[in-house]
């Protein structure tokens, strides 16, 4: 896992709050998470969907699931 020490404070704060709220043990869908930071904070598998990058690229109108 990549260190969280080098993330900007606002990015760290957002993702730490989300990690604290996630109680599911399944795969997490991170919409808008093109840089995949959430995966640094949780053990769950994370699938990222974004218009510019991520595991799945989408057109911004319809999620491809």
N, C-alpha and C. Protein backbone atom coordinates (compact mmCIF):
# COMPACT_ATOMS: atom_id res chain seq x y z
N UNK A 1 0.85 -1.18 0.00
CA UNK A 1 0.00 0.00 0.00
C UNK A 1 0.89 1.24 0.00
N UNK A 2 0.56 2.22 -0.82
CA UNK A 2 1.33 3.46 -0.91
C UNK A 2 1.06 4.31 0.33
N UNK A 3 2.06 4.99 0.81
CA UNK A 3 1.94 5.82 2.00
C UNK A 3 0.95 6.97 1.79
N UNK A 4 0.18 7.26 2.83
CA UNK A 4 -0.74 8.40 2.80
C UNK A 4 -0.05 9.70 3.18
N UNK A 5 1.21 9.63 3.60
CA UNK A 5 1.93 10.80 4.08
C UNK A 5 2.13 11.87 3.01
N UNK A 6 2.08 11.49 1.75
CA UNK A 6 2.39 12.42 0.68
C UNK A 6 1.16 12.97 -0.03
N UNK A 7 -0.02 12.75 0.54
CA UNK A 7 -1.24 13.30 -0.04
C UNK A 7 -1.49 14.70 0.50
N UNK A 8 -2.07 15.58 -0.33
CA UNK A 8 -2.47 16.89 0.19
C UNK A 8 -3.46 16.71 1.35
N UNK A 9 -3.44 17.65 2.29
CA UNK A 9 -4.25 17.53 3.50
C UNK A 9 -5.74 17.33 3.19
N UNK A 10 -6.29 18.10 2.22
CA UNK A 10 -7.72 17.98 1.91
C UNK A 10 -8.05 16.61 1.32
N UNK A 11 -7.17 16.06 0.50
CA UNK A 11 -7.39 14.74 -0.09
C UNK A 11 -7.33 13.69 1.01
N UNK A 12 -6.34 13.80 1.87
CA UNK A 12 -6.22 12.87 3.00
C UNK A 12 -7.48 12.90 3.86
N UNK A 13 -7.93 14.10 4.21
CA UNK A 13 -9.10 14.25 5.08
C UNK A 13 -10.35 13.64 4.50
N UNK A 14 -10.62 13.92 3.22
CA UNK A 14 -11.82 13.36 2.56
C UNK A 14 -11.80 11.85 2.56
N UNK A 15 -10.67 11.29 2.19
CA UNK A 15 -10.60 9.84 2.06
C UNK A 15 -10.57 9.15 3.42
N UNK A 16 -9.99 9.76 4.42
CA UNK A 16 -9.99 9.17 5.75
C UNK A 16 -11.41 9.13 6.30
N UNK A 17 -12.18 10.18 6.09
CA UNK A 17 -13.58 10.19 6.55
C UNK A 17 -14.36 9.08 5.85
N UNK A 18 -14.20 8.95 4.54
CA UNK A 18 -14.91 7.90 3.81
C UNK A 18 -14.49 6.51 4.29
N UNK A 19 -13.21 6.32 4.51
CA UNK A 19 -12.73 5.02 4.99
C UNK A 19 -13.34 4.68 6.35
N UNK A 20 -13.51 5.68 7.20
CA UNK A 20 -14.11 5.45 8.51
C UNK A 20 -15.59 5.09 8.39
N UNK A 21 -16.27 5.57 7.35
CA UNK A 21 -17.70 5.32 7.16
C UNK A 21 -17.99 3.99 6.46
N UNK A 22 -17.03 3.46 5.74
CA UNK A 22 -17.25 2.23 4.98
C UNK A 22 -17.19 1.03 5.93
N UNK A 23 -18.32 0.32 6.02
CA UNK A 23 -18.39 -0.86 6.87
C UNK A 23 -18.63 -2.13 6.07
N UNK A 24 -18.85 -1.99 4.79
CA UNK A 24 -19.08 -3.14 3.91
C UNK A 24 -17.79 -3.93 3.71
N UNK A 25 -17.94 -5.21 3.42
CA UNK A 25 -16.76 -6.03 3.14
C UNK A 25 -16.62 -6.33 1.66
N UNK A 26 -17.53 -5.84 0.83
CA UNK A 26 -17.49 -6.11 -0.60
C UNK A 26 -16.69 -5.07 -1.36
N UNK A 27 -16.80 -5.13 -2.68
CA UNK A 27 -16.12 -4.18 -3.55
C UNK A 27 -16.79 -2.81 -3.46
N UNK A 28 -15.98 -1.75 -3.43
CA UNK A 28 -16.47 -0.39 -3.34
C UNK A 28 -16.38 0.24 -4.72
N UNK A 29 -17.44 0.94 -5.14
CA UNK A 29 -17.45 1.68 -6.39
C UNK A 29 -17.17 3.14 -6.07
N UNK A 30 -16.05 3.66 -6.54
CA UNK A 30 -15.65 5.05 -6.31
C UNK A 30 -15.88 5.83 -7.59
N UNK A 31 -16.97 6.58 -7.64
CA UNK A 31 -17.30 7.38 -8.82
C UNK A 31 -16.57 8.71 -8.71
N UNK A 32 -15.73 9.00 -9.68
CA UNK A 32 -14.94 10.22 -9.68
C UNK A 32 -13.56 10.04 -9.07
N UNK A 33 -13.19 8.80 -8.80
CA UNK A 33 -11.91 8.54 -8.15
C UNK A 33 -10.81 8.18 -9.13
N UNK A 34 -10.54 9.06 -10.06
CA UNK A 34 -9.60 8.73 -11.14
C UNK A 34 -8.20 8.41 -10.66
N UNK A 35 -7.80 8.95 -9.53
CA UNK A 35 -6.43 8.72 -9.05
C UNK A 35 -6.33 7.56 -8.06
N UNK A 36 -7.45 6.95 -7.76
CA UNK A 36 -7.51 5.73 -6.93
C UNK A 36 -6.99 5.91 -5.52
N UNK A 37 -7.15 7.10 -4.93
CA UNK A 37 -6.65 7.33 -3.58
C UNK A 37 -7.38 6.52 -2.52
N UNK A 38 -8.68 6.27 -2.71
CA UNK A 38 -9.46 5.57 -1.69
C UNK A 38 -8.86 4.21 -1.37
N UNK A 39 -8.28 3.55 -2.35
CA UNK A 39 -7.66 2.25 -2.12
C UNK A 39 -6.50 2.28 -1.16
N UNK A 40 -5.95 3.46 -0.89
CA UNK A 40 -4.87 3.59 0.08
C UNK A 40 -5.38 3.51 1.52
N UNK A 41 -6.68 3.70 1.69
CA UNK A 41 -7.25 3.83 3.03
C UNK A 41 -8.05 2.62 3.49
N UNK A 42 -8.45 1.76 2.57
CA UNK A 42 -9.30 0.62 2.94
C UNK A 42 -8.74 -0.67 2.36
N UNK A 43 -9.11 -1.77 2.97
CA UNK A 43 -8.65 -3.08 2.51
C UNK A 43 -9.55 -3.64 1.41
N UNK A 44 -10.77 -3.10 1.29
CA UNK A 44 -11.71 -3.58 0.28
C UNK A 44 -11.16 -3.37 -1.13
N UNK A 45 -11.54 -4.23 -2.06
CA UNK A 45 -11.24 -3.93 -3.46
C UNK A 45 -12.04 -2.68 -3.88
N UNK A 46 -11.42 -1.79 -4.64
CA UNK A 46 -12.07 -0.56 -5.08
C UNK A 46 -12.04 -0.51 -6.59
N UNK A 47 -13.22 -0.29 -7.21
CA UNK A 47 -13.32 -0.05 -8.65
C UNK A 47 -13.59 1.43 -8.83
N UNK A 48 -12.76 2.11 -9.60
CA UNK A 48 -12.94 3.54 -9.83
C UNK A 48 -13.54 3.79 -11.21
N UNK A 49 -14.46 4.74 -11.25
CA UNK A 49 -15.11 5.15 -12.49
C UNK A 49 -14.94 6.65 -12.61
N UNK A 50 -14.47 7.11 -13.76
CA UNK A 50 -14.26 8.54 -13.94
C UNK A 50 -14.28 8.88 -15.43
N UNK A 51 -14.46 10.15 -15.73
CA UNK A 51 -14.48 10.59 -17.13
C UNK A 51 -13.07 10.76 -17.70
N UNK A 52 -12.05 10.86 -16.83
CA UNK A 52 -10.69 11.07 -17.34
C UNK A 52 -9.73 9.94 -17.03
N UNK A 53 -10.06 9.07 -16.12
CA UNK A 53 -9.16 7.98 -15.76
C UNK A 53 -9.82 7.08 -14.75
N UNK A 54 -9.13 6.04 -14.35
CA UNK A 54 -9.68 5.09 -13.41
C UNK A 54 -9.73 3.71 -14.03
N UNK A 55 -10.40 2.79 -13.35
CA UNK A 55 -10.54 1.43 -13.88
C UNK A 55 -11.52 1.40 -15.05
N UNK A 56 -12.55 2.23 -14.98
CA UNK A 56 -13.58 2.30 -16.02
C UNK A 56 -13.75 3.76 -16.42
N UNK A 57 -13.69 4.04 -17.71
CA UNK A 57 -13.93 5.38 -18.23
C UNK A 57 -15.39 5.46 -18.67
N UNK A 58 -16.06 6.54 -18.31
CA UNK A 58 -17.46 6.70 -18.75
C UNK A 58 -17.67 8.09 -19.29
N UNK A 59 -18.83 8.26 -19.95
CA UNK A 59 -19.10 9.52 -20.68
C UNK A 59 -19.62 10.64 -19.80
N UNK A 60 -19.81 10.41 -18.53
CA UNK A 60 -20.30 11.45 -17.65
C UNK A 60 -21.81 11.51 -17.54
N UNK A 61 -22.50 10.69 -18.33
CA UNK A 61 -23.96 10.66 -18.30
C UNK A 61 -24.52 9.35 -17.74
N UNK A 62 -23.95 8.25 -18.14
CA UNK A 62 -24.48 6.94 -17.75
C UNK A 62 -23.37 6.05 -17.24
N UNK A 63 -23.56 5.52 -16.04
CA UNK A 63 -22.58 4.55 -15.52
C UNK A 63 -22.70 3.26 -16.31
N UNK A 64 -21.58 2.67 -16.71
CA UNK A 64 -21.64 1.47 -17.55
C UNK A 64 -21.84 0.17 -16.78
N UNK A 65 -22.67 0.19 -15.74
CA UNK A 65 -22.95 -1.02 -14.97
C UNK A 65 -24.42 -1.33 -15.02
